[in-house]
Amino acid sequence: QIEQKTPYKVVSDRCRADTELSGVI
């Protein structure tokens, strides 16, 4: 959904990311 609906790019390396989206079920 992030890739399809937002201008943001999902990256696997946390050190190269501007933000982090985390969650708990």
PDBML (XML) file of the C-alpha atoms, coordinates in Angstrom:
<?xml version="1.0" encoding="UTF-8" ?>
<PDBx:datablock datablockName="MODEL"
   xmlns:PDBx="http://pdbml.pdb.org/schema/pdbx-v50.xsd"
   xmlns:xsi="http://www.w3.org/2001/XMLSchema-instance"
   xsi:schemaLocation="http://pdbml.pdb.org/schema/pdbx-v50.xsd pdbx-v50.xsd">
   <PDBx:atom_siteCategory>
      <PDBx:atom_site id="1">
         <PDBx:B_iso_or_equiv>0.00</PDBx:B_iso_or_equiv>
         <PDBx:Cartn_x>0.000</PDBx:Cartn_x>
         <PDBx:Cartn_y>0.000</PDBx:Cartn_y>
         <PDBx:Cartn_z>0.000</PDBx:Cartn_z>
         <PDBx:auth_asym_id>A</PDBx:auth_asym_id>
         <PDBx:auth_atom_id>CA</PDBx:auth_atom_id>
         <PDBx:auth_comp_id>GLN</PDBx:auth_comp_id>
         <PDBx:auth_seq_id>1</PDBx:auth_seq_id>
         <PDBx:group_PDB>ATOM</PDBx:group_PDB>
         <PDBx:label_alt_id xsi:nil="true" />
         <PDBx:label_asym_id>A</PDBx:label_asym_id>
         <PDBx:label_atom_id>CA</PDBx:label_atom_id>
         <PDBx:label_comp_id>GLN</PDBx:label_comp_id>
         <PDBx:label_entity_id>1</PDBx:label_entity_id>
         <PDBx:label_seq_id>1</PDBx:label_seq_id>
         <PDBx:occupancy>1.00</PDBx:occupancy>
         <PDBx:pdbx_PDB_model_num>1</PDBx:pdbx_PDB_model_num>
         <PDBx:type_symbol>C</PDBx:type_symbol>
      </PDBx:atom_site>
      <PDBx:atom_site id="2">
         <PDBx:B_iso_or_equiv>0.00</PDBx:B_iso_or_equiv>
         <PDBx:Cartn_x>2.837</PDBx:Cartn_x>
         <PDBx:Cartn_y>2.428</PDBx:Cartn_y>
         <PDBx:Cartn_z>0.764</PDBx:Cartn_z>
         <PDBx:auth_asym_id>A</PDBx:auth_asym_id>
         <PDBx:auth_atom_id>CA</PDBx:auth_atom_id>
         <PDBx:auth_comp_id>ILE</PDBx:auth_comp_id>
         <PDBx:auth_seq_id>2</PDBx:auth_seq_id>
         <PDBx:group_PDB>ATOM</PDBx:group_PDB>
         <PDBx:label_alt_id xsi:nil="true" />
         <PDBx:label_asym_id>A</PDBx:label_asym_id>
         <PDBx:label_atom_id>CA</PDBx:label_atom_id>
         <PDBx:label_comp_id>ILE</PDBx:label_comp_id>
         <PDBx:label_entity_id>1</PDBx:label_entity_id>
         <PDBx:label_seq_id>2</PDBx:label_seq_id>
         <PDBx:occupancy>1.00</PDBx:occupancy>
         <PDBx:pdbx_PDB_model_num>1</PDBx:pdbx_PDB_model_num>
         <PDBx:type_symbol>C</PDBx:type_symbol>
      </PDBx:atom_site>
      <PDBx:atom_site id="3">
         <PDBx:B_iso_or_equiv>0.00</PDBx:B_iso_or_equiv>
         <PDBx:Cartn_x>4.455</PDBx:Cartn_x>
         <PDBx:Cartn_y>1.742</PDBx:Cartn_y>
         <PDBx:Cartn_z>-2.607</PDBx:Cartn_z>
         <PDBx:auth_asym_id>A</PDBx:auth_asym_id>
         <PDBx:auth_atom_id>CA</PDBx:auth_atom_id>
         <PDBx:auth_comp_id>GLU</PDBx:auth_comp_id>
         <PDBx:auth_seq_id>3</PDBx:auth_seq_id>
         <PDBx:group_PDB>ATOM</PDBx:group_PDB>
         <PDBx:label_alt_id xsi:nil="true" />
         <PDBx:label_asym_id>A</PDBx:label_asym_id>
         <PDBx:label_atom_id>CA</PDBx:label_atom_id>
         <PDBx:label_comp_id>GLU</PDBx:label_comp_id>
         <PDBx:label_entity_id>1</PDBx:label_entity_id>
         <PDBx:label_seq_id>3</PDBx:label_seq_id>
         <PDBx:occupancy>1.00</PDBx:occupancy>
         <PDBx:pdbx_PDB_model_num>1</PDBx:pdbx_PDB_model_num>
         <PDBx:type_symbol>C</PDBx:type_symbol>
      </PDBx:atom_site>
      <PDBx:atom_site id="4">
         <PDBx:B_iso_or_equiv>0.00</PDBx:B_iso_or_equiv>
         <PDBx:Cartn_x>1.160</PDBx:Cartn_x>
         <PDBx:Cartn_y>2.089</PDBx:Cartn_y>
         <PDBx:Cartn_z>-4.482</PDBx:Cartn_z>
         <PDBx:auth_asym_id>A</PDBx:auth_asym_id>
         <PDBx:auth_atom_id>CA</PDBx:auth_atom_id>
         <PDBx:auth_comp_id>GLN</PDBx:auth_comp_id>
         <PDBx:auth_seq_id>4</PDBx:auth_seq_id>
         <PDBx:group_PDB>ATOM</PDBx:group_PDB>
         <PDBx:label_alt_id xsi:nil="true" />
         <PDBx:label_asym_id>A</PDBx:label_asym_id>
         <PDBx:label_atom_id>CA</PDBx:label_atom_id>
         <PDBx:label_comp_id>GLN</PDBx:label_comp_id>
         <PDBx:label_entity_id>1</PDBx:label_entity_id>
         <PDBx:label_seq_id>4</PDBx:label_seq_id>
         <PDBx:occupancy>1.00</PDBx:occupancy>
         <PDBx:pdbx_PDB_model_num>1</PDBx:pdbx_PDB_model_num>
         <PDBx:type_symbol>C</PDBx:type_symbol>
      </PDBx:atom_site>
      <PDBx:atom_site id="5">
         <PDBx:B_iso_or_equiv>0.00</PDBx:B_iso_or_equiv>
         <PDBx:Cartn_x>-0.581</PDBx:Cartn_x>
         <PDBx:Cartn_y>4.940</PDBx:Cartn_y>
         <PDBx:Cartn_z>-2.662</PDBx:Cartn_z>
         <PDBx:auth_asym_id>A</PDBx:auth_asym_id>
         <PDBx:auth_atom_id>CA</PDBx:auth_atom_id>
         <PDBx:auth_comp_id>LYS</PDBx:auth_comp_id>
         <PDBx:auth_seq_id>5</PDBx:auth_seq_id>
         <PDBx:group_PDB>ATOM</PDBx:group_PDB>
         <PDBx:label_alt_id xsi:nil="true" />
         <PDBx:label_asym_id>A</PDBx:label_asym_id>
         <PDBx:label_atom_id>CA</PDBx:label_atom_id>
         <PDBx:label_comp_id>LYS</PDBx:label_comp_id>
         <PDBx:label_entity_id>1</PDBx:label_entity_id>
         <PDBx:label_seq_id>5</PDBx:label_seq_id>
         <PDBx:occupancy>1.00</PDBx:occupancy>
         <PDBx:pdbx_PDB_model_num>1</PDBx:pdbx_PDB_model_num>
         <PDBx:type_symbol>C</PDBx:type_symbol>
      </PDBx:atom_site>
      <PDBx:atom_site id="6">
         <PDBx:B_iso_or_equiv>0.00</PDBx:B_iso_or_equiv>
         <PDBx:Cartn_x>2.187</PDBx:Cartn_x>
         <PDBx:Cartn_y>7.243</PDBx:Cartn_y>
         <PDBx:Cartn_z>-1.392</PDBx:Cartn_z>
         <PDBx:auth_asym_id>A</PDBx:auth_asym_id>
         <PDBx:auth_atom_id>CA</PDBx:auth_atom_id>
         <PDBx:auth_comp_id>THR</PDBx:auth_comp_id>
         <PDBx:auth_seq_id>6</PDBx:auth_seq_id>
         <PDBx:group_PDB>ATOM</PDBx:group_PDB>
         <PDBx:label_alt_id xsi:nil="true" />
         <PDBx:label_asym_id>A</PDBx:label_asym_id>
         <PDBx:label_atom_id>CA</PDBx:label_atom_id>
         <PDBx:label_comp_id>THR</PDBx:label_comp_id>
         <PDBx:label_entity_id>1</PDBx:label_entity_id>
         <PDBx:label_seq_id>6</PDBx:label_seq_id>
         <PDBx:occupancy>1.00</PDBx:occupancy>
         <PDBx:pdbx_PDB_model_num>1</PDBx:pdbx_PDB_model_num>
         <PDBx:type_symbol>C</PDBx:type_symbol>
      </PDBx:atom_site>
      <PDBx:atom_site id="7">
         <PDBx:B_iso_or_equiv>0.00</PDBx:B_iso_or_equiv>
         <PDBx:Cartn_x>5.258</PDBx:Cartn_x>
         <PDBx:Cartn_y>8.987</PDBx:Cartn_y>
         <PDBx:Cartn_z>-2.844</PDBx:Cartn_z>
         <PDBx:auth_asym_id>A</PDBx:auth_asym_id>
         <PDBx:auth_atom_id>CA</PDBx:auth_atom_id>
         <PDBx:auth_comp_id>PRO</PDBx:auth_comp_id>
         <PDBx:auth_seq_id>7</PDBx:auth_seq_id>
         <PDBx:group_PDB>ATOM</PDBx:group_PDB>
         <PDBx:label_alt_id xsi:nil="true" />
         <PDBx:label_asym_id>A</PDBx:label_asym_id>
         <PDBx:label_atom_id>CA</PDBx:label_atom_id>
         <PDBx:label_comp_id>PRO</PDBx:label_comp_id>
         <PDBx:label_entity_id>1</PDBx:label_entity_id>
         <PDBx:label_seq_id>7</PDBx:label_seq_id>
         <PDBx:occupancy>1.00</PDBx:occupancy>
         <PDBx:pdbx_PDB_model_num>1</PDBx:pdbx_PDB_model_num>
         <PDBx:type_symbol>C</PDBx:type_symbol>
      </PDBx:atom_site>
      <PDBx:atom_site id="8">
         <PDBx:B_iso_or_equiv>0.00</PDBx:B_iso_or_equiv>
         <PDBx:Cartn_x>7.432</PDBx:Cartn_x>
         <PDBx:Cartn_y>7.230</PDBx:Cartn_y>
         <PDBx:Cartn_z>-0.257</PDBx:Cartn_z>
         <PDBx:auth_asym_id>A</PDBx:auth_asym_id>
         <PDBx:auth_atom_id>CA</PDBx:auth_atom_id>
         <PDBx:auth_comp_id>TYR</PDBx:auth_comp_id>
         <PDBx:auth_seq_id>8</PDBx:auth_seq_id>
         <PDBx:group_PDB>ATOM</PDBx:group_PDB>
         <PDBx:label_alt_id xsi:nil="true" />
         <PDBx:label_asym_id>A</PDBx:label_asym_id>
         <PDBx:label_atom_id>CA</PDBx:label_atom_id>
         <PDBx:label_comp_id>TYR</PDBx:label_comp_id>
         <PDBx:label_entity_id>1</PDBx:label_entity_id>
         <PDBx:label_seq_id>8</PDBx:label_seq_id>
         <PDBx:occupancy>1.00</PDBx:occupancy>
         <PDBx:pdbx_PDB_model_num>1</PDBx:pdbx_PDB_model_num>
         <PDBx:type_symbol>C</PDBx:type_symbol>
      </PDBx:atom_site>
      <PDBx:atom_site id="9">
         <PDBx:B_iso_or_equiv>0.00</PDBx:B_iso_or_equiv>
         <PDBx:Cartn_x>9.928</PDBx:Cartn_x>
         <PDBx:Cartn_y>4.481</PDBx:Cartn_y>
         <PDBx:Cartn_z>-1.034</PDBx:Cartn_z>
         <PDBx:auth_asym_id>A</PDBx:auth_asym_id>
         <PDBx:auth_atom_id>CA</PDBx:auth_atom_id>
         <PDBx:auth_comp_id>LYS</PDBx:auth_comp_id>
         <PDBx:auth_seq_id>9</PDBx:auth_seq_id>
         <PDBx:group_PDB>ATOM</PDBx:group_PDB>
         <PDBx:label_alt_id xsi:nil="true" />
         <PDBx:label_asym_id>A</PDBx:label_asym_id>
         <PDBx:label_atom_id>CA</PDBx:label_atom_id>
         <PDBx:label_comp_id>LYS</PDBx:label_comp_id>
         <PDBx:label_entity_id>1</PDBx:label_entity_id>
         <PDBx:label_seq_id>9</PDBx:label_seq_id>
         <PDBx:occupancy>1.00</PDBx:occupancy>
         <PDBx:pdbx_PDB_model_num>1</PDBx:pdbx_PDB_model_num>
         <PDBx:type_symbol>C</PDBx:type_symbol>
      </PDBx:atom_site>
      <PDBx:atom_site id="10">
         <PDBx:B_iso_or_equiv>0.00</PDBx:B_iso_or_equiv>
         <PDBx:Cartn_x>10.151</PDBx:Cartn_x>
         <PDBx:Cartn_y>1.484</PDBx:Cartn_y>
         <PDBx:Cartn_z>1.309</PDBx:Cartn_z>
         <PDBx:auth_asym_id>A</PDBx:auth_asym_id>
         <PDBx:auth_atom_id>CA</PDBx:auth_atom_id>
         <PDBx:auth_comp_id>VAL</PDBx:auth_comp_id>
         <PDBx:auth_seq_id>10</PDBx:auth_seq_id>
         <PDBx:group_PDB>ATOM</PDBx:group_PDB>
         <PDBx:label_alt_id xsi:nil="true" />
         <PDBx:label_asym_id>A</PDBx:label_asym_id>
         <PDBx:label_atom_id>CA</PDBx:label_atom_id>
         <PDBx:label_comp_id>VAL</PDBx:label_comp_id>
         <PDBx:label_entity_id>1</PDBx:label_entity_id>
         <PDBx:label_seq_id>10</PDBx:label_seq_id>
         <PDBx:occupancy>1.00</PDBx:occupancy>
         <PDBx:pdbx_PDB_model_num>1</PDBx:pdbx_PDB_model_num>
         <PDBx:type_symbol>C</PDBx:type_symbol>
      </PDBx:atom_site>
      <PDBx:atom_site id="11">
         <PDBx:B_iso_or_equiv>0.00</PDBx:B_iso_or_equiv>
         <PDBx:Cartn_x>13.754</PDBx:Cartn_x>
         <PDBx:Cartn_y>0.547</PDBx:Cartn_y>
         <PDBx:Cartn_z>2.139</PDBx:Cartn_z>
         <PDBx:auth_asym_id>A</PDBx:auth_asym_id>
         <PDBx:auth_atom_id>CA</PDBx:auth_atom_id>
         <PDBx:auth_comp_id>VAL</PDBx:auth_comp_id>
         <PDBx:auth_seq_id>11</PDBx:auth_seq_id>
         <PDBx:group_PDB>ATOM</PDBx:group_PDB>
         <PDBx:label_alt_id xsi:nil="true" />
         <PDBx:label_asym_id>A</PDBx:label_asym_id>
         <PDBx:label_atom_id>CA</PDBx:label_atom_id>
         <PDBx:label_comp_id>VAL</PDBx:label_comp_id>
         <PDBx:label_entity_id>1</PDBx:label_entity_id>
         <PDBx:label_seq_id>11</PDBx:label_seq_id>
         <PDBx:occupancy>1.00</PDBx:occupancy>
         <PDBx:pdbx_PDB_model_num>1</PDBx:pdbx_PDB_model_num>
         <PDBx:type_symbol>C</PDBx:type_symbol>
      </PDBx:atom_site>
      <PDBx:atom_site id="12">
         <PDBx:B_iso_or_equiv>0.00</PDBx:B_iso_or_equiv>
         <PDBx:Cartn_x>15.031</PDBx:Cartn_x>
         <PDBx:Cartn_y>-2.525</PDBx:Cartn_y>
         <PDBx:Cartn_z>3.967</PDBx:Cartn_z>
         <PDBx:auth_asym_id>A</PDBx:auth_asym_id>
         <PDBx:auth_atom_id>CA</PDBx:auth_atom_id>
         <PDBx:auth_comp_id>SER</PDBx:auth_comp_id>
         <PDBx:auth_seq_id>12</PDBx:auth_seq_id>
         <PDBx:group_PDB>ATOM</PDBx:group_PDB>
         <PDBx:label_alt_id xsi:nil="true" />
         <PDBx:label_asym_id>A</PDBx:label_asym_id>
         <PDBx:label_atom_id>CA</PDBx:label_atom_id>
         <PDBx:label_comp_id>SER</PDBx:label_comp_id>
         <PDBx:label_entity_id>1</PDBx:label_entity_id>
         <PDBx:label_seq_id>12</PDBx:label_seq_id>
         <PDBx:occupancy>1.00</PDBx:occupancy>
         <PDBx:pdbx_PDB_model_num>1</PDBx:pdbx_PDB_model_num>
         <PDBx:type_symbol>C</PDBx:type_symbol>
      </PDBx:atom_site>
      <PDBx:atom_site id="13">
         <PDBx:B_iso_or_equiv>0.00</PDBx:B_iso_or_equiv>
         <PDBx:Cartn_x>18.004</PDBx:Cartn_x>
         <PDBx:Cartn_y>-0.767</PDBx:Cartn_y>
         <PDBx:Cartn_z>5.560</PDBx:Cartn_z>
         <PDBx:auth_asym_id>A</PDBx:auth_asym_id>
         <PDBx:auth_atom_id>CA</PDBx:auth_atom_id>
         <PDBx:auth_comp_id>ASP</PDBx:auth_comp_id>
         <PDBx:auth_seq_id>13</PDBx:auth_seq_id>
         <PDBx:group_PDB>ATOM</PDBx:group_PDB>
         <PDBx:label_alt_id xsi:nil="true" />
         <PDBx:label_asym_id>A</PDBx:label_asym_id>
         <PDBx:label_atom_id>CA</PDBx:label_atom_id>
         <PDBx:label_comp_id>ASP</PDBx:label_comp_id>
         <PDBx:label_entity_id>1</PDBx:label_entity_id>
         <PDBx:label_seq_id>13</PDBx:label_seq_id>
         <PDBx:occupancy>1.00</PDBx:occupancy>
         <PDBx:pdbx_PDB_model_num>1</PDBx:pdbx_PDB_model_num>
         <PDBx:type_symbol>C</PDBx:type_symbol>
      </PDBx:atom_site>
      <PDBx:atom_site id="14">
         <PDBx:B_iso_or_equiv>0.00</PDBx:B_iso_or_equiv>
         <PDBx:Cartn_x>16.917</PDBx:Cartn_x>
         <PDBx:Cartn_y>1.177</PDBx:Cartn_y>
         <PDBx:Cartn_z>8.606</PDBx:Cartn_z>
         <PDBx:auth_asym_id>A</PDBx:auth_asym_id>
         <PDBx:auth_atom_id>CA</PDBx:auth_atom_id>
         <PDBx:auth_comp_id>ARG</PDBx:auth_comp_id>
         <PDBx:auth_seq_id>14</PDBx:auth_seq_id>
         <PDBx:group_PDB>ATOM</PDBx:group_PDB>
         <PDBx:label_alt_id xsi:nil="true" />
         <PDBx:label_asym_id>A</PDBx:label_asym_id>
         <PDBx:label_atom_id>CA</PDBx:label_atom_id>
         <PDBx:label_comp_id>ARG</PDBx:label_comp_id>
         <PDBx:label_entity_id>1</PDBx:label_entity_id>
         <PDBx:label_seq_id>14</PDBx:label_seq_id>
         <PDBx:occupancy>1.00</PDBx:occupancy>
         <PDBx:pdbx_PDB_model_num>1</PDBx:pdbx_PDB_model_num>
         <PDBx:type_symbol>C</PDBx:type_symbol>
      </PDBx:atom_site>
      <PDBx:atom_site id="15">
         <PDBx:B_iso_or_equiv>0.00</PDBx:B_iso_or_equiv>
         <PDBx:Cartn_x>20.060</PDBx:Cartn_x>
         <PDBx:Cartn_y>3.322</PDBx:Cartn_y>
         <PDBx:Cartn_z>8.492</PDBx:Cartn_z>
         <PDBx:auth_asym_id>A</PDBx:auth_asym_id>
         <PDBx:auth_atom_id>CA</PDBx:auth_atom_id>
         <PDBx:auth_comp_id>CYS</PDBx:auth_comp_id>
         <PDBx:auth_seq_id>15</PDBx:auth_seq_id>
         <PDBx:group_PDB>ATOM</PDBx:group_PDB>
         <PDBx:label_alt_id xsi:nil="true" />
         <PDBx:label_asym_id>A</PDBx:label_asym_id>
         <PDBx:label_atom_id>CA</PDBx:label_atom_id>
         <PDBx:label_comp_id>CYS</PDBx:label_comp_id>
         <PDBx:label_entity_id>1</PDBx:label_entity_id>
         <PDBx:label_seq_id>15</PDBx:label_seq_id>
         <PDBx:occupancy>1.00</PDBx:occupancy>
         <PDBx:pdbx_PDB_model_num>1</PDBx:pdbx_PDB_model_num>
         <PDBx:type_symbol>C</PDBx:type_symbol>
      </PDBx:atom_site>
      <PDBx:atom_site id="16">
         <PDBx:B_iso_or_equiv>0.00</PDBx:B_iso_or_equiv>
         <PDBx:Cartn_x>19.064</PDBx:Cartn_x>
         <PDBx:Cartn_y>4.673</PDBx:Cartn_y>
         <PDBx:Cartn_z>5.059</PDBx:Cartn_z>
         <PDBx:auth_asym_id>A</PDBx:auth_asym_id>
         <PDBx:auth_atom_id>CA</PDBx:auth_atom_id>
         <PDBx:auth_comp_id>ARG</PDBx:auth_comp_id>
         <PDBx:auth_seq_id>16</PDBx:auth_seq_id>
         <PDBx:group_PDB>ATOM</PDBx:group_PDB>
         <PDBx:label_alt_id xsi:nil="true" />
         <PDBx:label_asym_id>A</PDBx:label_asym_id>
         <PDBx:label_atom_id>CA</PDBx:label_atom_id>
         <PDBx:label_comp_id>ARG</PDBx:label_comp_id>
         <PDBx:label_entity_id>1</PDBx:label_entity_id>
         <PDBx:label_seq_id>16</PDBx:label_seq_id>
         <PDBx:occupancy>1.00</PDBx:occupancy>
         <PDBx:pdbx_PDB_model_num>1</PDBx:pdbx_PDB_model_num>
         <PDBx:type_symbol>C</PDBx:type_symbol>
      </PDBx:atom_site>
      <PDBx:atom_site id="17">
         <PDBx:B_iso_or_equiv>0.00</PDBx:B_iso_or_equiv>
         <PDBx:Cartn_x>15.443</PDBx:Cartn_x>
         <PDBx:Cartn_y>5.420</PDBx:Cartn_y>
         <PDBx:Cartn_z>5.965</PDBx:Cartn_z>
         <PDBx:auth_asym_id>A</PDBx:auth_asym_id>
         <PDBx:auth_atom_id>CA</PDBx:auth_atom_id>
         <PDBx:auth_comp_id>ALA</PDBx:auth_comp_id>
         <PDBx:auth_seq_id>17</PDBx:auth_seq_id>
         <PDBx:group_PDB>ATOM</PDBx:group_PDB>
         <PDBx:label_alt_id xsi:nil="true" />
         <PDBx:label_asym_id>A</PDBx:label_asym_id>
         <PDBx:label_atom_id>CA</PDBx:label_atom_id>
         <PDBx:label_comp_id>ALA</PDBx:label_comp_id>
         <PDBx:label_entity_id>1</PDBx:label_entity_id>
         <PDBx:label_seq_id>17</PDBx:label_seq_id>
         <PDBx:occupancy>1.00</PDBx:occupancy>
         <PDBx:pdbx_PDB_model_num>1</PDBx:pdbx_PDB_model_num>
         <PDBx:type_symbol>C</PDBx:type_symbol>
      </PDBx:atom_site>
      <PDBx:atom_site id="18">
         <PDBx:B_iso_or_equiv>0.00</PDBx:B_iso_or_equiv>
         <PDBx:Cartn_x>14.020</PDBx:Cartn_x>
         <PDBx:Cartn_y>8.818</PDBx:Cartn_y>
         <PDBx:Cartn_z>6.856</PDBx:Cartn_z>
         <PDBx:auth_asym_id>A</PDBx:auth_asym_id>
         <PDBx:auth_atom_id>CA</PDBx:auth_atom_id>
         <PDBx:auth_comp_id>ASP</PDBx:auth_comp_id>
         <PDBx:auth_seq_id>18</PDBx:auth_seq_id>
         <PDBx:group_PDB>ATOM</PDBx:group_PDB>
         <PDBx:label_alt_id xsi:nil="true" />
         <PDBx:label_asym_id>A</PDBx:label_asym_id>
         <PDBx:label_atom_id>CA</PDBx:label_atom_id>
         <PDBx:label_comp_id>ASP</PDBx:label_comp_id>
         <PDBx:label_entity_id>1</PDBx:label_entity_id>
         <PDBx:label_seq_id>18</PDBx:label_seq_id>
         <PDBx:occupancy>1.00</PDBx:occupancy>
         <PDBx:pdbx_PDB_model_num>1</PDBx:pdbx_PDB_model_num>
         <PDBx:type_symbol>C</PDBx:type_symbol>
      </PDBx:atom_site>
      <PDBx:atom_site id="19">
         <PDBx:B_iso_or_equiv>0.00</PDBx:B_iso_or_equiv>
         <PDBx:Cartn_x>11.201</PDBx:Cartn_x>
         <PDBx:Cartn_y>7.289</PDBx:Cartn_y>
         <PDBx:Cartn_z>8.919</PDBx:Cartn_z>
         <PDBx:auth_asym_id>A</PDBx:auth_asym_id>
         <PDBx:auth_atom_id>CA</PDBx:auth_atom_id>
         <PDBx:auth_comp_id>THR</PDBx:auth_comp_id>
         <PDBx:auth_seq_id>19</PDBx:auth_seq_id>
         <PDBx:group_PDB>ATOM</PDBx:group_PDB>
         <PDBx:label_alt_id xsi:nil="true" />
         <PDBx:label_asym_id>A</PDBx:label_asym_id>
         <PDBx:label_atom_id>CA</PDBx:label_atom_id>
         <PDBx:label_comp_id>THR</PDBx:label_comp_id>
         <PDBx:label_entity_id>1</PDBx:label_entity_id>
         <PDBx:label_seq_id>19</PDBx:label_seq_id>
         <PDBx:occupancy>1.00</PDBx:occupancy>
         <PDBx:pdbx_PDB_model_num>1</PDBx:pdbx_PDB_model_num>
         <PDBx:type_symbol>C</PDBx:type_symbol>
      </PDBx:atom_site>
      <PDBx:atom_site id="20">
         <PDBx:B_iso_or_equiv>0.00</PDBx:B_iso_or_equiv>
         <PDBx:Cartn_x>10.123</PDBx:Cartn_x>
         <PDBx:Cartn_y>3.986</PDBx:Cartn_y>
         <PDBx:Cartn_z>10.417</PDBx:Cartn_z>
         <PDBx:auth_asym_id>A</PDBx:auth_asym_id>
         <PDBx:auth_atom_id>CA</PDBx:auth_atom_id>
         <PDBx:auth_comp_id>GLU</PDBx:auth_comp_id>
         <PDBx:auth_seq_id>20</PDBx:auth_seq_id>
         <PDBx:group_PDB>ATOM</PDBx:group_PDB>
         <PDBx:label_alt_id xsi:nil="true" />
         <PDBx:label_asym_id>A</PDBx:label_asym_id>
         <PDBx:label_atom_id>CA</PDBx:label_atom_id>
         <PDBx:label_comp_id>GLU</PDBx:label_comp_id>
         <PDBx:label_entity_id>1</PDBx:label_entity_id>
         <PDBx:label_seq_id>20</PDBx:label_seq_id>
         <PDBx:occupancy>1.00</PDBx:occupancy>
         <PDBx:pdbx_PDB_model_num>1</PDBx:pdbx_PDB_model_num>
         <PDBx:type_symbol>C</PDBx:type_symbol>
      </PDBx:atom_site>
      <PDBx:atom_site id="21">
         <PDBx:B_iso_or_equiv>0.00</PDBx:B_iso_or_equiv>
         <PDBx:Cartn_x>6.594</PDBx:Cartn_x>
         <PDBx:Cartn_y>2.588</PDBx:Cartn_y>
         <PDBx:Cartn_z>10.592</PDBx:Cartn_z>
         <PDBx:auth_asym_id>A</PDBx:auth_asym_id>
         <PDBx:auth_atom_id>CA</PDBx:auth_atom_id>
         <PDBx:auth_comp_id>LEU</PDBx:auth_comp_id>
         <PDBx:auth_seq_id>21</PDBx:auth_seq_id>
         <PDBx:group_PDB>ATOM</PDBx:group_PDB>
         <PDBx:label_alt_id xsi:nil="true" />
         <PDBx:label_asym_id>A</PDBx:label_asym_id>
         <PDBx:label_atom_id>CA</PDBx:label_atom_id>
         <PDBx:label_comp_id>LEU</PDBx:label_comp_id>
         <PDBx:label_entity_id>1</PDBx:label_entity_id>
         <PDBx:label_seq_id>21</PDBx:label_seq_id>
         <PDBx:occupancy>1.00</PDBx:occupancy>
         <PDBx:pdbx_PDB_model_num>1</PDBx:pdbx_PDB_model_num>
         <PDBx:type_symbol>C</PDBx:type_symbol>
      </PDBx:atom_site>
      <PDBx:atom_site id="22">
         <PDBx:B_iso_or_equiv>0.00</PDBx:B_iso_or_equiv>
         <PDBx:Cartn_x>6.310</PDBx:Cartn_x>
         <PDBx:Cartn_y>-0.129</PDBx:Cartn_y>
         <PDBx:Cartn_z>13.228</PDBx:Cartn_z>
         <PDBx:auth_asym_id>A</PDBx:auth_asym_id>
         <PDBx:auth_atom_id>CA</PDBx:auth_atom_id>
         <PDBx:auth_comp_id>SER</PDBx:auth_comp_id>
         <PDBx:auth_seq_id>22</PDBx:auth_seq_id>
         <PDBx:group_PDB>ATOM</PDBx:group_PDB>
         <PDBx:label_alt_id xsi:nil="true" />
         <PDBx:label_asym_id>A</PDBx:label_asym_id>
         <PDBx:label_atom_id>CA</PDBx:label_atom_id>
         <PDBx:label_comp_id>SER</PDBx:label_comp_id>
         <PDBx:label_entity_id>1</PDBx:label_entity_id>
         <PDBx:label_seq_id>22</PDBx:label_seq_id>
         <PDBx:occupancy>1.00</PDBx:occupancy>
         <PDBx:pdbx_PDB_model_num>1</PDBx:pdbx_PDB_model_num>
         <PDBx:type_symbol>C</PDBx:type_symbol>
      </PDBx:atom_site>
      <PDBx:atom_site id="23">
         <PDBx:B_iso_or_equiv>0.00</PDBx:B_iso_or_equiv>
         <PDBx:Cartn_x>3.304</PDBx:Cartn_x>
         <PDBx:Cartn_y>-1.906</PDBx:Cartn_y>
         <PDBx:Cartn_z>14.671</PDBx:Cartn_z>
         <PDBx:auth_asym_id>A</PDBx:auth_asym_id>
         <PDBx:auth_atom_id>CA</PDBx:auth_atom_id>
         <PDBx:auth_comp_id>GLY</PDBx:auth_comp_id>
         <PDBx:auth_seq_id>23</PDBx:auth_seq_id>
         <PDBx:group_PDB>ATOM</PDBx:group_PDB>
         <PDBx:label_alt_id xsi:nil="true" />
         <PDBx:label_asym_id>A</PDBx:label_asym_id>
         <PDBx:label_atom_id>CA</PDBx:label_atom_id>
         <PDBx:label_comp_id>GLY</PDBx:label_comp_id>
         <PDBx:label_entity_id>1</PDBx:label_entity_id>
         <PDBx:label_seq_id>23</PDBx:label_seq_id>
         <PDBx:occupancy>1.00</PDBx:occupancy>
         <PDBx:pdbx_PDB_model_num>1</PDBx:pdbx_PDB_model_num>
         <PDBx:type_symbol>C</PDBx:type_symbol>
      </PDBx:atom_site>
      <PDBx:atom_site id="24">
         <PDBx:B_iso_or_equiv>0.00</PDBx:B_iso_or_equiv>
         <PDBx:Cartn_x>2.096</PDBx:Cartn_x>
         <PDBx:Cartn_y>-4.562</PDBx:Cartn_y>
         <PDBx:Cartn_z>17.075</PDBx:Cartn_z>
         <PDBx:auth_asym_id>A</PDBx:auth_asym_id>
         <PDBx:auth_atom_id>CA</PDBx:auth_atom_id>
         <PDBx:auth_comp_id>VAL</PDBx:auth_comp_id>
         <PDBx:auth_seq_id>24</PDBx:auth_seq_id>
         <PDBx:group_PDB>ATOM</PDBx:group_PDB>
         <PDBx:label_alt_id xsi:nil="true" />
         <PDBx:label_asym_id>A</PDBx:label_asym_id>
         <PDBx:label_atom_id>CA</PDBx:label_atom_id>
         <PDBx:label_comp_id>VAL</PDBx:label_comp_id>
         <PDBx:label_entity_id>1</PDBx:label_entity_id>
         <PDBx:label_seq_id>24</PDBx:label_seq_id>
         <PDBx:occupancy>1.00</PDBx:occupancy>
         <PDBx:pdbx_PDB_model_num>1</PDBx:pdbx_PDB_model_num>
         <PDBx:type_symbol>C</PDBx:type_symbol>
      </PDBx:atom_site>
      <PDBx:atom_site id="25">
         <PDBx:B_iso_or_equiv>0.00</PDBx:B_iso_or_equiv>
         <PDBx:Cartn_x>-0.837</PDBx:Cartn_x>
         <PDBx:Cartn_y>-6.886</PDBx:Cartn_y>
         <PDBx:Cartn_z>16.417</PDBx:Cartn_z>
         <PDBx:auth_asym_id>A</PDBx:auth_asym_id>
         <PDBx:auth_atom_id>CA</PDBx:auth_atom_id>
         <PDBx:auth_comp_id>ILE</PDBx:auth_comp_id>
         <PDBx:auth_seq_id>25</PDBx:auth_seq_id>
         <PDBx:group_PDB>ATOM</PDBx:group_PDB>
         <PDBx:label_alt_id xsi:nil="true" />
         <PDBx:label_asym_id>A</PDBx:label_asym_id>
         <PDBx:label_atom_id>CA</PDBx:label_atom_id>
         <PDBx:label_comp_id>ILE</PDBx:label_comp_id>
         <PDBx:label_entity_id>1</PDBx:label_entity_id>
         <PDBx:label_seq_id>25</PDBx:label_seq_id>
         <PDBx:occupancy>1.00</PDBx:occupancy>
         <PDBx:pdbx_PDB_model_num>1</PDBx:pdbx_PDB_model_num>
         <PDBx:type_symbol>C</PDBx:type_symbol>
      </PDBx:atom_site>
   </PDBx:atom_siteCategory>
</PDBx:datablock>
